[in-house]
Amino acid sequence: MSDAAAALPSGVATGVGSLPGTDIGEAANVVFGELPEWPHLPELPGRGLGADMIGRGAALLAGLPVQWWAFRWEIADLPGVDARRARDFLERDLDALHEVSATGPVRLTAVGPFTLAANLWRRTGGAMLADPGAVADLAASLGEGLRNFIAAAQARMPKAALSIQLDEPSLPAALAGRVNTESGLDFYRRVPVEVVRDRLREVADAVGVPLVVHCCAPDVPVGLLREAGAQAVSMDLTALDLDDVPRVDALGEYLDGGGRLIAGVVPALGRPHPGVDKAAADRVQALWHRLGFAPEQLPRQVSVTTTCGMAGASPDWARFAMEASREAAKRLHG
């Protein structure tokens, strides 16, 4: 079995990233218990500043200190107290892996370089996204930091087959020139496709493990992500209009080329009720039928998860959604 096949299973249930709560040990036990075929190290933004997506990602940067200032994260000369708190959260997250004794696939998660660049400010003002040189420095720093993060996780789980997921909710907006400037009255210039491809490829090459990219925006650039080195794409499949021919065709081309899909089809919020697993499986099968692919190929390329992270969900729903994801994945095996 190849490294990618071991680290990126198909036909199973998995998670996206965030969960409710503040106890990382408890959250890890829940994930590894409820999603045994492909667990992930959960994120707990409910712990406060530093556990948020941008603060957590900034804490992973190598050689780029950050601080929380004027209600945003920005590059600094020295790490601020909130940045040190973010690093402490990361260490606690890694230490929770000691207790789960994983021997199979495990996915780590972090914010991707373009979402980070759209939300991390320069010393001179404005998001790093405004400066191509700053974006290049950020991608290089993130790649090095992720490599260290993965090594620390592997040391705690020597028998696990690791992958890394980059969360890129802002990527489609960056490509389309829809990221607001500081004033909110204008937009940063769009990031060229080739720049996105090159920066993501640099991160993919740096991490040394299979790369997953997650985006819950409706216009996920699946073909570009594959060109950039992503070996699986995680997306909110409920946001895809099956009558939108160009987007369905783009996803079909990606899948026809052997791409792996983590299909977000279980709601990230709600109250437990019957039929969630069936509705989730039906959504995947409707896409597959629309594309005209062989049914037996579906579980070889598709896994099931929630539409997005579950930080805002109740603990009861989070457990229920994981169970529904497992049951939906079983349905896809026919």
Protein backbone atom coordinates (compact mmCIF):
# COMPACT_ATOMS: atom_id res chain seq x y z
CA MET A 1 0.00 0.00 0.00
CA SER A 2 1.35 3.45 -0.94
CA ASP A 3 1.85 6.20 1.63
CA ALA A 4 -1.06 8.14 0.10
CA ALA A 5 -3.39 5.12 0.15
CA ALA A 6 -2.56 4.44 3.80
CA ALA A 7 -3.03 8.06 4.86
CA LEU A 8 -6.06 8.88 2.66
CA PRO A 9 -8.66 6.12 2.96
CA SER A 10 -11.83 6.22 0.88
CA GLY A 11 -15.35 5.02 1.54
CA VAL A 12 -15.18 5.97 5.21
CA ALA A 13 -16.43 8.69 7.54
CA THR A 14 -14.18 11.48 8.74
CA GLY A 15 -14.38 14.99 10.21
CA VAL A 16 -13.56 18.50 9.05
CA GLY A 17 -11.75 20.16 11.95
CA SER A 18 -13.47 22.15 14.66
CA LEU A 19 -15.68 20.87 17.47
CA PRO A 20 -17.52 22.47 20.39
CA GLY A 21 -15.96 22.47 23.85
CA THR A 22 -12.68 23.38 25.48
CA ASP A 23 -11.22 20.03 26.62
CA ILE A 24 -8.86 18.75 23.92
CA GLY A 25 -8.37 15.37 25.59
CA GLU A 26 -12.10 14.71 25.63
CA ALA A 27 -12.55 15.98 22.06
CA ALA A 28 -9.74 13.76 20.75
CA ASN A 29 -11.22 10.73 22.48
CA VAL A 30 -14.63 11.45 20.92
CA VAL A 31 -13.20 11.85 17.40
CA PHE A 32 -10.97 8.78 17.58
CA GLY A 33 -13.85 6.78 19.03
CA GLU A 34 -16.60 7.94 16.66
CA LEU A 35 -14.49 8.16 13.47
CA PRO A 36 -12.08 5.24 13.92
CA GLU A 37 -11.34 4.69 10.21
CA TRP A 38 -10.11 8.25 9.61
CA PRO A 39 -9.90 10.42 12.73
CA HIS A 40 -8.45 13.92 12.87
CA LEU A 41 -6.91 16.12 15.53
CA PRO A 42 -9.83 18.42 16.42
CA GLU A 43 -9.64 22.18 16.74
CA LEU A 44 -11.42 23.85 19.67
CA PRO A 45 -11.92 27.57 18.92
CA GLY A 46 -14.21 27.79 21.96
CA ARG A 47 -11.08 28.03 24.10
CA GLY A 48 -10.76 31.64 23.00
CA LEU A 49 -8.20 33.86 21.32
CA GLY A 50 -5.29 31.82 20.04
CA ALA A 51 -7.48 28.78 19.40
CA ASP A 52 -9.23 30.58 16.52
CA MET A 53 -8.35 29.49 12.99
CA ILE A 54 -6.09 32.45 12.17
CA GLY A 55 -4.36 32.57 15.56
CA ARG A 56 -3.74 28.83 15.49
CA GLY A 57 -2.36 29.04 11.95
CA ALA A 58 -0.17 32.02 12.76
CA ALA A 59 1.28 30.09 15.71
CA LEU A 60 2.52 27.49 13.22
CA LEU A 61 4.57 30.01 11.23
CA ALA A 62 8.33 29.57 11.38
CA GLY A 63 10.31 32.78 11.79
CA LEU A 64 7.30 35.13 11.47
CA PRO A 65 6.24 36.35 14.94
CA VAL A 66 2.67 37.61 15.32
CA GLN A 67 0.60 39.55 17.83
CA TRP A 68 -3.06 40.36 18.42
CA TRP A 69 -3.46 44.10 18.02
CA ALA A 70 -6.49 46.32 17.32
CA PHE A 71 -8.81 43.33 16.97
CA ARG A 72 -6.72 41.45 14.41
CA TRP A 73 -3.65 39.29 14.05
CA GLU A 74 -0.61 41.00 12.57
CA ILE A 75 3.08 40.38 11.93
CA ALA A 76 5.23 41.63 14.82
CA ASP A 77 8.86 41.96 15.88
CA LEU A 78 8.32 39.56 18.78
CA PRO A 79 5.48 37.16 19.60
CA GLY A 80 2.72 38.77 21.66
CA VAL A 81 1.19 37.19 24.74
CA ASP A 82 -1.76 35.95 22.67
CA ALA A 83 0.60 34.31 20.18
CA ARG A 84 2.30 32.50 23.06
CA ARG A 85 -1.11 31.32 24.22
CA ALA A 86 -1.79 30.00 20.71
CA ARG A 87 1.44 28.00 20.80
CA ASP A 88 0.48 26.60 24.20
CA PHE A 89 -2.83 25.43 22.73
CA LEU A 90 -0.97 23.69 19.91
CA GLU A 91 1.27 21.89 22.39
CA ARG A 92 -1.75 20.69 24.36
CA ASP A 93 -3.38 19.50 21.15
CA LEU A 94 -0.29 17.50 20.24
CA ASP A 95 0.00 16.05 23.73
CA ALA A 96 -3.58 14.76 23.46
CA LEU A 97 -2.34 12.47 20.70
CA HIS A 98 -0.31 10.54 23.27
CA GLU A 99 -3.52 9.13 24.71
CA VAL A 100 -5.17 7.84 21.52
CA SER A 101 -2.43 5.42 20.38
CA ALA A 102 -3.40 5.61 16.70
CA THR A 103 -1.94 3.09 14.27
CA GLY A 104 -3.90 3.98 11.13
CA PRO A 105 -4.66 7.15 9.15
CA VAL A 106 -4.87 10.42 11.11
CA ARG A 107 -5.38 13.88 9.63
CA LEU A 108 -3.98 17.09 11.07
CA THR A 109 -5.52 20.43 10.16
CA ALA A 110 -4.33 24.01 9.70
CA VAL A 111 -5.38 27.15 7.88
CA GLY A 112 -4.03 27.44 4.34
CA PRO A 113 -1.67 30.18 3.10
CA PHE A 114 -4.24 32.26 1.19
CA THR A 115 -6.87 32.35 3.93
CA LEU A 116 -4.07 33.21 6.34
CA ALA A 117 -2.77 35.92 4.01
CA ALA A 118 -6.27 37.40 3.71
CA ASN A 119 -6.62 37.69 7.49
CA LEU A 120 -3.09 38.38 8.75
CA TRP A 121 -1.96 42.01 8.63
CA ARG A 122 1.43 43.44 7.68
CA ARG A 123 3.30 45.81 9.99
CA THR A 124 2.69 48.60 7.48
CA GLY A 125 -1.05 47.92 7.35
CA GLY A 126 -3.30 45.92 5.10
CA ALA A 127 -3.54 42.19 4.68
CA MET A 128 -0.50 40.21 3.57
CA LEU A 129 -2.57 39.22 0.53
CA ALA A 130 -1.87 42.69 -0.93
CA ASP A 131 1.85 41.92 -1.33
CA PRO A 132 2.91 38.96 -3.52
CA GLY A 133 6.31 38.90 -1.83
CA ALA A 134 4.67 38.73 1.60
CA VAL A 135 2.45 35.87 0.42
CA ALA A 136 5.51 33.98 -0.82
CA ASP A 137 7.27 34.51 2.54
CA LEU A 138 4.13 33.41 4.37
CA ALA A 139 3.78 30.22 2.32
CA ALA A 140 7.42 29.32 2.92
CA SER A 141 7.09 29.99 6.64
CA LEU A 142 3.88 27.98 6.86
CA GLY A 143 5.41 25.06 4.99
CA GLU A 144 8.32 24.90 7.40
CA GLY A 145 6.05 25.29 10.42
CA LEU A 146 3.72 22.55 9.21
CA ARG A 147 6.65 20.21 8.65
CA ASN A 148 7.65 20.75 12.30
CA PHE A 149 4.03 20.28 13.42
CA ILE A 150 3.74 17.01 11.52
CA ALA A 151 7.04 15.76 12.93
CA ALA A 152 5.86 16.54 16.46
CA ALA A 153 2.60 14.66 15.84
CA GLN A 154 4.43 11.69 14.32
CA ALA A 155 6.68 11.51 17.39
CA ARG A 156 3.58 11.12 19.55
CA MET A 157 1.97 8.58 17.17
CA PRO A 158 4.86 6.73 15.53
CA LYS A 159 2.62 4.13 13.87
CA ALA A 160 0.05 6.56 12.44
CA ALA A 161 -0.19 7.38 8.72
CA LEU A 162 -0.47 11.17 8.76
CA SER A 163 -1.97 13.62 6.29
CA ILE A 164 -2.45 17.37 6.59
CA GLN A 165 -5.58 19.35 5.72
CA LEU A 166 -5.33 23.00 4.75
CA ASP A 167 -8.51 25.01 5.33
CA GLU A 168 -8.95 27.58 2.54
CA PRO A 169 -12.39 29.22 2.87
CA SER A 170 -11.02 32.51 1.48
CA LEU A 171 -9.29 31.01 -1.57
CA PRO A 172 -12.14 31.42 -4.09
CA ALA A 173 -12.55 35.06 -3.00
CA ALA A 174 -8.80 35.65 -3.39
CA LEU A 175 -8.88 34.18 -6.90
CA ALA A 176 -11.87 36.33 -7.85
CA GLY A 177 -10.67 39.58 -6.27
CA ARG A 178 -13.43 39.58 -3.65
CA VAL A 179 -11.35 39.96 -0.45
CA ASN A 180 -12.18 43.29 1.20
CA THR A 181 -9.46 45.81 2.01
CA GLU A 182 -9.06 47.23 5.50
CA SER A 183 -11.59 50.00 4.83
CA GLY A 184 -14.20 47.55 3.60
CA LEU A 185 -14.85 49.86 0.66
CA ASP A 186 -12.63 48.17 -1.90
CA PHE A 187 -11.12 44.78 -2.76
CA TYR A 188 -7.59 43.47 -3.09
CA ARG A 189 -6.54 42.58 -6.61
CA ARG A 190 -7.24 39.00 -7.54
CA VAL A 191 -4.45 36.51 -6.99
CA PRO A 192 -3.39 34.96 -10.32
CA VAL A 193 -4.07 31.25 -10.75
CA GLU A 194 -0.40 30.49 -11.31
CA VAL A 195 0.53 32.18 -8.02
CA VAL A 196 -2.01 30.11 -6.12
CA ARG A 197 -0.77 26.94 -7.79
CA ASP A 198 2.89 27.71 -7.07
CA ARG A 199 2.41 28.75 -3.44
CA LEU A 200 0.22 25.75 -2.61
CA ARG A 201 2.64 23.46 -4.40
CA GLU A 202 5.48 24.82 -2.26
CA VAL A 203 3.51 24.00 0.88
CA ALA A 204 2.58 20.55 -0.46
CA ASP A 205 6.23 19.80 -1.23
CA ALA A 206 7.36 21.06 2.18
CA VAL A 207 5.02 19.04 4.40
CA GLY A 208 6.15 15.60 3.27
CA VAL A 209 2.77 13.90 3.82
CA PRO A 210 -0.38 13.70 1.64
CA LEU A 211 -2.21 17.02 1.37
CA VAL A 212 -5.97 17.58 1.67
CA VAL A 213 -7.49 20.99 0.95
CA HIS A 214 -10.84 21.87 2.53
CA CYS A 215 -13.04 24.69 1.25
CA CYS A 216 -16.70 25.16 2.14
CA ALA A 217 -17.29 27.98 -0.37
CA PRO A 218 -19.55 27.03 -3.30
CA ASP A 219 -16.92 27.65 -6.01
CA VAL A 220 -14.07 25.34 -4.98
CA PRO A 221 -11.34 25.31 -7.70
CA VAL A 222 -10.90 21.52 -7.63
CA GLY A 223 -8.79 21.29 -10.77
CA LEU A 224 -6.40 23.98 -9.58
CA LEU A 225 -6.07 22.29 -6.19
CA ARG A 226 -5.11 19.03 -7.83
CA GLU A 227 -2.51 20.80 -9.99
CA ALA A 228 -1.14 22.38 -6.82
CA GLY A 229 -0.52 19.01 -5.18
CA ALA A 230 -3.70 18.30 -3.24
CA GLN A 231 -4.35 14.56 -3.16
CA ALA A 232 -7.88 14.97 -1.81
CA VAL A 233 -10.40 17.82 -1.78
CA SER A 234 -12.91 18.34 1.03
CA MET A 235 -15.95 20.44 0.12
CA ASP A 236 -19.54 21.21 1.07
CA LEU A 237 -21.38 19.11 -1.48
CA THR A 238 -24.74 20.54 -0.39
CA ALA A 239 -23.61 23.95 -1.72
CA LEU A 240 -23.11 22.54 -5.21
CA ASP A 241 -26.08 23.06 -7.54
CA LEU A 242 -26.29 19.84 -9.54
CA ASP A 243 -27.79 21.87 -12.40
CA ASP A 244 -24.72 24.12 -12.53
CA VAL A 245 -23.14 22.39 -15.51
CA PRO A 246 -19.68 24.08 -15.46
CA ARG A 247 -19.08 23.35 -11.76
CA VAL A 248 -20.44 19.81 -11.93
CA ASP A 249 -18.32 19.15 -15.01
CA ALA A 250 -15.22 20.52 -13.26
CA LEU A 251 -15.81 18.20 -10.31
CA GLY A 252 -16.50 15.34 -12.70
CA GLU A 253 -13.22 15.95 -14.53
CA TYR A 254 -11.39 15.96 -11.20
CA LEU A 255 -13.01 12.66 -10.15
CA ASP A 256 -12.59 11.08 -13.58
CA GLY A 257 -8.87 11.74 -13.24
CA GLY A 258 -8.80 9.73 -10.01
CA GLY A 259 -9.21 12.59 -7.55
CA ARG A 260 -10.38 11.80 -4.04
CA LEU A 261 -13.37 13.64 -2.60
CA ILE A 262 -14.31 14.18 1.03
CA ALA A 263 -17.97 15.00 0.59
CA GLY A 264 -19.52 17.37 3.13
CA VAL A 265 -23.10 16.12 3.17
CA VAL A 266 -24.03 15.92 6.88
CA PRO A 267 -25.17 19.29 8.32
CA ALA A 268 -22.66 20.94 10.67
CA LEU A 269 -25.50 22.27 12.86
CA GLY A 270 -28.86 20.88 13.87
CA ARG A 271 -30.78 18.63 16.22
CA PRO A 272 -30.63 14.84 16.03
CA HIS A 273 -33.41 13.35 13.93
CA PRO A 274 -33.93 10.25 11.77
CA GLY A 275 -32.95 10.15 8.12
CA VAL A 276 -29.82 12.33 8.19
CA ASP A 277 -27.56 9.49 7.05
CA LYS A 278 -29.87 8.54 4.16
CA ALA A 279 -30.18 12.14 2.95
CA ALA A 280 -26.39 12.49 3.08
CA ALA A 281 -25.79 9.31 1.08
CA ASP A 282 -28.51 10.27 -1.41
CA ARG A 283 -26.76 13.57 -2.08
CA VAL A 284 -23.51 11.83 -2.99
CA GLN A 285 -25.29 9.26 -5.12
CA ALA A 286 -27.21 11.99 -6.95
CA LEU A 287 -23.90 13.61 -7.95
CA TRP A 288 -22.48 10.25 -9.01
CA HIS A 289 -25.56 9.49 -11.08
CA ARG A 290 -25.43 12.93 -12.71
CA LEU A 291 -21.81 12.31 -13.67
CA GLY A 292 -22.60 8.86 -15.05
CA PHE A 293 -19.82 7.11 -13.14
CA ALA A 294 -19.86 3.41 -12.24
CA PRO A 295 -21.49 2.89 -8.79
CA GLU A 296 -18.76 0.50 -7.64
CA GLN A 297 -16.16 3.25 -8.08
CA LEU A 298 -17.90 5.59 -5.62
CA PRO A 299 -16.55 4.17 -2.32
CA ARG A 300 -13.06 3.99 -3.83
CA GLN A 301 -12.94 7.76 -4.27
CA VAL A 302 -15.40 9.34 -1.83
CA SER A 303 -15.49 9.65 1.95
CA VAL A 304 -18.21 11.36 3.99
CA THR A 305 -18.07 14.21 6.47
CA THR A 306 -19.97 17.26 7.69
CA THR A 307 -20.47 20.30 5.49
CA CYS A 308 -18.07 22.37 7.61
CA GLY A 309 -16.58 22.49 11.11
CA MET A 310 -18.83 21.98 14.11
CA ALA A 311 -17.53 24.57 16.57
CA GLY A 312 -21.00 26.12 16.81
CA ALA A 313 -22.83 22.82 17.26
CA SER A 314 -24.05 21.26 20.47
CA PRO A 315 -22.03 18.29 21.80
CA ASP A 316 -25.06 16.06 21.16
CA TRP A 317 -25.24 17.12 17.53
CA ALA A 318 -21.49 16.71 17.04
CA ARG A 319 -21.64 13.08 18.16
CA PHE A 320 -24.82 12.48 16.16
CA ALA A 321 -23.26 14.00 13.01
CA MET A 322 -20.24 11.72 13.31
CA GLU A 323 -22.53 8.71 13.68
CA ALA A 324 -24.61 9.87 10.69
CA SER A 325 -21.41 10.25 8.65
CA ARG A 326 -20.45 6.65 9.48
CA GLU A 327 -23.87 5.35 8.49
CA ALA A 328 -23.88 7.39 5.26
CA ALA A 329 -20.46 6.00 4.32
CA LYS A 330 -21.80 2.46 4.83
CA ARG A 331 -24.73 3.21 2.52
CA LEU A 332 -22.33 4.25 -0.23
CA HIS A 333 -20.87 0.75 -0.25
CA GLY A 334 -24.23 -0.47 -1.51
